[in-house]
Amino acid sequence: LQGCFEAEITFSQHIQIGKHSLTFTVEPRGVYAGTTYEGELNIVKAPSEINIQASSILVLPSTMYIEGSVYSSFGPLRGALIRLEFGESSSAVKTLSDGKFNATVDMPLNLVLSGFQELRVNVEPAEPWNAPLYIKKTVLVINPANISLVSAAFLSLIATLYTRLGKGKPREEAVAAALETPSKLEAHIVEAQLSKPKVDLEGVGGVKGG
């Protein structure tokens, strides 16, 4: 159409994020006067998104296998650095040309308490126009060594209470008194209890978990 135009502007990859002034100027020509238009342009990074698959339950000692893909509105994030941290273990890999990655995190047998721990995932895109991403995934860790220690302590406590409370009492009364003693027993039982596993993903960008 007459009077319409299109313009393509290429920005430097080092341009600062935020608001910028955009000015269009039409030079005067013949009987037509010139004009100027000033507008505001907001430069933002494309939000990164991730699909990640990892086990929700881990029995120590074990190796956690993690795979996934990272992308934005521009397509797969090629060569993005993926940093994974779980407890005191960590791993780092780079995505392939299709944005996919595979990684492992070794979890040795230690004295960590059984319960929920967080798998932390940091994504650092290679392209400056893609935004970094950080997510967390909740994993239920079961430590047989820890459970054995708690069980042994529980049985030792029962035996001690039975011995102390059983003097001069029938065996049935001594056992009942030992089991009704709440103070130390509740502390051991609370540490040994495991809640229902759940998966919790939180991300800066969009997150889809498996």
C-alpha atoms as a PDB file:
ATOM      1  CA  LEU A   1       0.000   0.000   0.000  1.00  0.00           C
ATOM      2  CA  GLN A   2       1.133   3.538  -0.656  1.00  0.00           C
ATOM      3  CA  GLY A   3       2.739   5.135   2.372  1.00  0.00           C
ATOM      4  CA  CYS A   4       3.418   1.808   4.155  1.00  0.00           C
ATOM      5  CA  PHE A   5       6.906   0.511   4.876  1.00  0.00           C
ATOM      6  CA  GLU A   6       8.696  -2.298   6.655  1.00  0.00           C
ATOM      7  CA  ALA A   7      12.029  -2.147   8.434  1.00  0.00           C
ATOM      8  CA  GLU A   8      14.177  -4.879   9.943  1.00  0.00           C
ATOM      9  CA  ILE A   9      16.495  -3.925  12.783  1.00  0.00           C
ATOM     10  CA  THR A  10      19.318  -6.155  13.972  1.00  0.00           C
ATOM     11  CA  PHE A  11      20.481  -5.538  17.515  1.00  0.00           C
ATOM     12  CA  SER A  12      23.919  -6.245  18.876  1.00  0.00           C
ATOM     13  CA  GLN A  13      24.099  -9.345  21.072  1.00  0.00           C
ATOM     14  CA  HIS A  14      25.674  -7.143  23.746  1.00  0.00           C
ATOM     15  CA  ILE A  15      22.711  -4.763  23.932  1.00  0.00           C
ATOM     16  CA  GLN A  16      21.588  -4.085  27.482  1.00  0.00           C
ATOM     17  CA  ILE A  17      18.360  -5.547  28.790  1.00  0.00           C
ATOM     18  CA  GLY A  18      15.685  -2.986  29.551  1.00  0.00           C
ATOM     19  CA  LYS A  19      13.890  -0.048  27.954  1.00  0.00           C
ATOM     20  CA  HIS A  20      15.358   1.762  24.940  1.00  0.00           C
ATOM     21  CA  SER A  21      14.243   4.732  22.866  1.00  0.00           C
ATOM     22  CA  LEU A  22      13.313   3.993  19.250  1.00  0.00           C
ATOM     23  CA  THR A  23      13.144   6.924  16.808  1.00  0.00           C
ATOM     24  CA  PHE A  24      11.775   6.966  13.222  1.00  0.00           C
ATOM     25  CA  THR A  25      12.511   9.985  11.061  1.00  0.00           C
ATOM     26  CA  VAL A  26      10.964  10.802   7.664  1.00  0.00           C
ATOM     27  CA  GLU A  27      12.908  13.325   5.647  1.00  0.00           C
ATOM     28  CA  PRO A  28      10.932  16.129   3.941  1.00  0.00           C
ATOM     29  CA  ARG A  29      10.437  15.604   0.223  1.00  0.00           C
ATOM     30  CA  GLY A  30       8.831  17.913  -2.296  1.00  0.00           C
ATOM     31  CA  VAL A  31       5.577  19.287  -0.970  1.00  0.00           C
ATOM     32  CA  TYR A  32       5.662  16.889   1.980  1.00  0.00           C
ATOM     33  CA  ALA A  33       7.040  17.944   5.330  1.00  0.00           C
ATOM     34  CA  GLY A  34       9.205  15.597   7.331  1.00  0.00           C
ATOM     35  CA  THR A  35       8.185  14.037  10.634  1.00  0.00           C
ATOM     36  CA  THR A  36       9.664  12.191  13.577  1.00  0.00           C
ATOM     37  CA  TYR A  37       8.224   9.466  15.746  1.00  0.00           C
ATOM     38  CA  GLU A  38       9.730   8.411  19.060  1.00  0.00           C
ATOM     39  CA  GLY A  39       8.697   5.226  20.796  1.00  0.00           C
ATOM     40  CA  GLU A  40       9.847   2.958  23.601  1.00  0.00           C
ATOM     41  CA  LEU A  41      11.232  -0.518  23.037  1.00  0.00           C
ATOM     42  CA  ASN A  42      11.647  -2.963  25.901  1.00  0.00           C
ATOM     43  CA  ILE A  43      14.468  -5.488  25.359  1.00  0.00           C
ATOM     44  CA  VAL A  44      14.072  -8.755  27.277  1.00  0.00           C
ATOM     45  CA  LYS A  45      15.666 -12.188  27.119  1.00  0.00           C
ATOM     46  CA  ALA A  46      13.631 -15.128  25.876  1.00  0.00           C
ATOM     47  CA  PRO A  47      12.495 -17.275  28.844  1.00  0.00           C
ATOM     48  CA  SER A  48      14.131 -20.693  28.864  1.00  0.00           C
ATOM     49  CA  GLU A  49      12.087 -23.830  29.495  1.00  0.00           C
ATOM     50  CA  ILE A  50      13.154 -27.314  30.504  1.00  0.00           C
ATOM     51  CA  ASN A  51      11.809 -30.853  30.401  1.00  0.00           C
ATOM     52  CA  ILE A  52      13.538 -33.059  32.954  1.00  0.00           C
ATOM     53  CA  GLN A  53      13.205 -36.713  33.918  1.00  0.00           C
ATOM     54  CA  ALA A  54      14.730 -38.005  37.149  1.00  0.00           C
ATOM     55  CA  SER A  55      13.777 -40.514  39.811  1.00  0.00           C
ATOM     56  CA  SER A  56      11.637 -39.249  42.681  1.00  0.00           C
ATOM     57  CA  ILE A  57      12.940 -41.922  45.099  1.00  0.00           C
ATOM     58  CA  LEU A  58      16.609 -42.776  45.659  1.00  0.00           C
ATOM     59  CA  VAL A  59      17.980 -45.595  47.840  1.00  0.00           C
ATOM     60  CA  LEU A  60      21.605 -45.104  48.915  1.00  0.00           C
ATOM     61  CA  PRO A  61      24.155 -45.920  47.659  1.00  0.00           C
ATOM     62  CA  SER A  62      22.993 -45.181  44.135  1.00  0.00           C
ATOM     63  CA  THR A  63      23.535 -43.200  40.944  1.00  0.00           C
ATOM     64  CA  MET A  64      20.855 -40.768  39.833  1.00  0.00           C
ATOM     65  CA  TYR A  65      20.290 -40.689  36.074  1.00  0.00           C
ATOM     66  CA  ILE A  66      18.944 -37.400  34.729  1.00  0.00           C
ATOM     67  CA  GLU A  67      17.920 -36.536  31.194  1.00  0.00           C
ATOM     68  CA  GLY A  68      16.018 -33.703  29.614  1.00  0.00           C
ATOM     69  CA  SER A  69      15.906 -30.934  27.054  1.00  0.00           C
ATOM     70  CA  VAL A  70      16.139 -27.147  27.194  1.00  0.00           C
ATOM     71  CA  TYR A  71      14.608 -24.686  24.760  1.00  0.00           C
ATOM     72  CA  SER A  72      13.162 -21.189  24.314  1.00  0.00           C
ATOM     73  CA  SER A  73      10.932 -19.488  21.748  1.00  0.00           C
ATOM     74  CA  PHE A  74      13.970 -19.399  19.443  1.00  0.00           C
ATOM     75  CA  GLY A  75      14.301 -23.188  19.517  1.00  0.00           C
ATOM     76  CA  PRO A  76      16.597 -25.690  21.290  1.00  0.00           C
ATOM     77  CA  LEU A  77      19.353 -24.273  23.491  1.00  0.00           C
ATOM     78  CA  ARG A  78      22.542 -25.595  21.907  1.00  0.00           C
ATOM     79  CA  GLY A  79      25.664 -25.828  24.026  1.00  0.00           C
ATOM     80  CA  ALA A  80      23.919 -24.663  27.207  1.00  0.00           C
ATOM     81  CA  LEU A  81      25.725 -25.528  30.437  1.00  0.00           C
ATOM     82  CA  ILE A  82      23.657 -27.670  32.804  1.00  0.00           C
ATOM     83  CA  ARG A  83      24.840 -27.738  36.427  1.00  0.00           C
ATOM     84  CA  LEU A  84      23.286 -30.285  38.790  1.00  0.00           C
ATOM     85  CA  GLU A  85      23.686 -30.370  42.569  1.00  0.00           C
ATOM     86  CA  PHE A  86      22.266 -32.968  44.938  1.00  0.00           C
ATOM     87  CA  GLY A  87      23.425 -32.943  48.535  1.00  0.00           C
ATOM     88  CA  GLU A  88      27.219 -32.777  48.450  1.00  0.00           C
ATOM     89  CA  SER A  89      27.408 -34.304  44.951  1.00  0.00           C
ATOM     90  CA  SER A  90      27.422 -32.332  41.700  1.00  0.00           C
ATOM     91  CA  SER A  91      27.747 -32.771  37.954  1.00  0.00           C
ATOM     92  CA  ALA A  92      27.905 -30.574  34.843  1.00  0.00           C
ATOM     93  CA  VAL A  93      27.153 -31.288  31.173  1.00  0.00           C
ATOM     94  CA  LYS A  94      26.411 -29.340  27.978  1.00  0.00           C
ATOM     95  CA  THR A  95      23.355 -29.740  25.801  1.00  0.00           C
ATOM     96  CA  LEU A  96      23.583 -31.206  22.299  1.00  0.00           C
ATOM     97  CA  SER A  97      22.520 -29.454  19.106  1.00  0.00           C
ATOM     98  CA  ASP A  98      18.906 -30.487  19.742  1.00  0.00           C
ATOM     99  CA  GLY A  99      18.945 -29.079  23.287  1.00  0.00           C
ATOM    100  CA  LYS A 100      18.938 -32.505  24.961  1.00  0.00           C
ATOM    101  CA  PHE A 101      21.276 -33.653  27.738  1.00  0.00           C
ATOM    102  CA  ASN A 102      22.078 -36.707  29.855  1.00  0.00           C
ATOM    103  CA  ALA A 103      23.822 -36.593  33.233  1.00  0.00           C
ATOM    104  CA  THR A 104      24.514 -38.701  36.315  1.00  0.00           C
ATOM    105  CA  VAL A 105      25.015 -37.775  39.958  1.00  0.00           C
ATOM    106  CA  ASP A 106      26.670 -40.357  42.243  1.00  0.00           C
ATOM    107  CA  MET A 107      25.281 -40.656  45.768  1.00  0.00           C
ATOM    108  CA  PRO A 108      27.524 -42.797  48.030  1.00  0.00           C
ATOM    109  CA  LEU A 109      26.392 -44.427  51.257  1.00  0.00           C
ATOM    110  CA  ASN A 110      26.804 -41.915  54.090  1.00  0.00           C
ATOM    111  CA  LEU A 111      25.192 -40.866  57.360  1.00  0.00           C
ATOM    112  CA  VAL A 112      22.698 -38.460  55.792  1.00  0.00           C
ATOM    113  CA  LEU A 113      19.245 -38.778  57.330  1.00  0.00           C
ATOM    114  CA  SER A 114      16.503 -40.375  55.273  1.00  0.00           C
ATOM    115  CA  GLY A 115      14.014 -37.815  53.998  1.00  0.00           C
ATOM    116  CA  PHE A 116      13.432 -35.302  51.230  1.00  0.00           C
ATOM    117  CA  GLN A 117      16.322 -33.545  49.516  1.00  0.00           C
ATOM    118  CA  GLU A 118      16.490 -31.113  46.602  1.00  0.00           C
ATOM    119  CA  LEU A 119      18.001 -31.698  43.188  1.00  0.00           C
ATOM    120  CA  ARG A 120      19.071 -28.242  41.994  1.00  0.00           C
ATOM    121  CA  VAL A 121      19.426 -27.593  38.268  1.00  0.00           C
ATOM    122  CA  ASN A 122      21.024 -24.457  36.798  1.00  0.00           C
ATOM    123  CA  VAL A 123      20.855 -23.743  33.053  1.00  0.00           C
ATOM    124  CA  GLU A 124      23.320 -21.255  31.533  1.00  0.00           C
ATOM    125  CA  PRO A 125      22.463 -20.662  27.846  1.00  0.00           C
ATOM    126  CA  ALA A 126      25.271 -20.153  25.342  1.00  0.00           C
ATOM    127  CA  GLU A 127      23.256 -17.498  23.450  1.00  0.00           C
ATOM    128  CA  PRO A 128      22.960 -14.133  25.230  1.00  0.00           C
ATOM    129  CA  TRP A 129      19.355 -13.635  24.105  1.00  0.00           C
ATOM    130  CA  ASN A 130      18.143 -16.648  26.121  1.00  0.00           C
ATOM    131  CA  ALA A 131      17.523 -16.204  29.837  1.00  0.00           C
ATOM    132  CA  PRO A 132      19.200 -18.481  32.424  1.00  0.00           C
ATOM    133  CA  LEU A 133      17.027 -20.917  34.324  1.00  0.00           C
ATOM    134  CA  TYR A 134      17.014 -22.422  37.814  1.00  0.00           C
ATOM    135  CA  ILE A 135      14.710 -25.193  39.034  1.00  0.00           C
ATOM    136  CA  LYS A 136      14.433 -27.562  42.006  1.00  0.00           C
ATOM    137  CA  LYS A 137      13.127 -31.119  42.107  1.00  0.00           C
ATOM    138  CA  THR A 138      12.267 -32.868  45.372  1.00  0.00           C
ATOM    139  CA  VAL A 139      13.648 -36.390  45.795  1.00  0.00           C
ATOM    140  CA  LEU A 140      12.949 -38.839  48.623  1.00  0.00           C
ATOM    141  CA  VAL A 141      16.259 -40.312  49.864  1.00  0.00           C
ATOM    142  CA  ILE A 142      16.189 -43.624  51.734  1.00  0.00           C
ATOM    143  CA  ASN A 143      19.362 -44.455  53.652  1.00  0.00           C
ATOM    144  CA  PRO A 144      19.387 -48.103  54.869  1.00  0.00           C
ATOM    145  CA  ALA A 145      22.374 -47.424  57.139  1.00  0.00           C
ATOM    146  CA  ASN A 146      20.552 -44.577  58.841  1.00  0.00           C
ATOM    147  CA  ILE A 147      17.377 -46.624  59.253  1.00  0.00           C
ATOM    148  CA  SER A 148      19.413 -49.470  60.788  1.00  0.00           C
ATOM    149  CA  LEU A 149      20.999 -47.093  63.308  1.00  0.00           C
ATOM    150  CA  VAL A 150      17.605 -45.693  64.289  1.00  0.00           C
ATOM    151  CA  SER A 151      16.183 -49.216  64.657  1.00  0.00           C
ATOM    152  CA  ALA A 152      19.143 -50.293  66.798  1.00  0.00           C
ATOM    153  CA  ALA A 153      18.775 -47.232  69.016  1.00  0.00           C
ATOM    154  CA  PHE A 154      15.060 -47.896  69.356  1.00  0.00           C
ATOM    155  CA  LEU A 155      15.608 -51.513  70.397  1.00  0.00           C
ATOM    156  CA  SER A 156      18.375 -50.479  72.788  1.00  0.00           C
ATOM    157  CA  LEU A 157      16.069 -47.943  74.390  1.00  0.00           C
ATOM    158  CA  ILE A 158      13.301 -50.534  74.752  1.00  0.00           C
ATOM    159  CA  ALA A 159      15.751 -52.961  76.380  1.00  0.00           C
ATOM    160  CA  THR A 160      17.012 -50.284  78.795  1.00  0.00           C
ATOM    161  CA  LEU A 161      13.504 -49.228  79.793  1.00  0.00           C
ATOM    162  CA  TYR A 162      12.476 -52.855  80.190  1.00  0.00           C
ATOM    163  CA  THR A 163      15.420 -53.466  82.507  1.00  0.00           C
ATOM    164  CA  ARG A 164      14.836 -50.334  84.613  1.00  0.00           C
ATOM    165  CA  LEU A 165      11.058 -50.540  84.818  1.00  0.00           C
ATOM    166  CA  GLY A 166      10.847 -54.328  85.023  1.00  0.00           C
ATOM    167  CA  LYS A 167      12.350 -54.725  88.473  1.00  0.00           C
ATOM    168  CA  GLY A 168       9.703 -56.074  90.790  1.00  0.00           C
ATOM    169  CA  LYS A 169       6.985 -56.037  88.104  1.00  0.00           C
ATOM    170  CA  PRO A 170       5.526 -58.742  85.913  1.00  0.00           C
ATOM    171  CA  ARG A 171       6.978 -58.874  82.413  1.00  0.00           C
ATOM    172  CA  GLU A 172       3.713 -57.682  80.786  1.00  0.00           C
ATOM    173  CA  GLU A 173       3.573 -54.570  82.982  1.00  0.00           C
ATOM    174  CA  ALA A 174       7.229 -53.746  82.311  1.00  0.00           C
ATOM    175  CA  VAL A 175       6.751 -53.961  78.550  1.00  0.00           C
ATOM    176  CA  ALA A 176       3.624 -51.815  78.719  1.00  0.00           C
ATOM    177  CA  ALA A 177       5.413 -49.183  80.812  1.00  0.00           C
ATOM    178  CA  ALA A 178       8.346 -49.100  78.396  1.00  0.00           C
ATOM    179  CA  LEU A 179       6.106 -48.627  75.383  1.00  0.00           C
ATOM    180  CA  GLU A 180       4.144 -45.866  77.121  1.00  0.00           C
ATOM    181  CA  THR A 181       7.260 -43.795  77.881  1.00  0.00           C
ATOM    182  CA  PRO A 182       6.953 -40.958  75.316  1.00  0.00           C
ATOM    183  CA  SER A 183       9.987 -38.709  75.641  1.00  0.00           C
ATOM    184  CA  LYS A 184      12.859 -40.517  73.898  1.00  0.00           C
ATOM    185  CA  LEU A 185      10.709 -42.930  71.925  1.00  0.00           C
ATOM    186  CA  GLU A 186       8.888 -40.130  70.088  1.00  0.00           C
ATOM    187  CA  ALA A 187      12.177 -38.472  69.095  1.00  0.00           C
ATOM    188  CA  HIS A 188      13.451 -41.701  67.492  1.00  0.00           C
ATOM    189  CA  ILE A 189      10.142 -42.464  65.796  1.00  0.00           C
ATOM    190  CA  VAL A 190       9.839 -38.952  64.306  1.00  0.00           C
ATOM    191  CA  GLU A 191      13.341 -39.200  62.804  1.00  0.00           C
ATOM    192  CA  ALA A 192      12.530 -42.581  61.266  1.00  0.00           C
ATOM    193  CA  GLN A 193       9.170 -41.647  59.767  1.00  0.00           C
ATOM    194  CA  LEU A 194       8.993 -40.987  56.021  1.00  0.00           C
ATOM    195  CA  SER A 195       6.233 -38.899  54.525  1.00  0.00           C
ATOM    196  CA  LYS A 196       4.521 -39.725  51.232  1.00  0.00           C
ATOM    197  CA  PRO A 197       6.885 -39.016  48.310  1.00  0.00           C
ATOM    198  CA  LYS A 198       6.080 -36.020  46.198  1.00  0.00           C
ATOM    199  CA  VAL A 199       7.654 -34.155  43.293  1.00  0.00           C
ATOM    200  CA  ASP A 200       8.016 -30.403  43.400  1.00  0.00           C
ATOM    201  CA  LEU A 201       9.406 -28.413  40.489  1.00  0.00           C
ATOM    202  CA  GLU A 202       9.981 -24.703  40.664  1.00  0.00           C
ATOM    203  CA  GLY A 203      11.551 -22.781  37.803  1.00  0.00           C
ATOM    204  CA  VAL A 204      12.245 -19.244  36.663  1.00  0.00           C
ATOM    205  CA  GLY A 205      10.887 -20.082  33.221  1.00  0.00           C
ATOM    206  CA  GLY A 206       8.384 -22.748  32.185  1.00  0.00           C
ATOM    207  CA  VAL A 207       8.987 -26.185  33.666  1.00  0.00           C
ATOM    208  CA  LYS A 208       7.621 -29.543  32.666  1.00  0.00           C
ATOM    209  CA  GLY A 209       8.707 -32.454  34.828  1.00  0.00           C
ATOM    210  CA  GLY A 210       8.514 -36.171  34.491  1.00  0.00           C
END
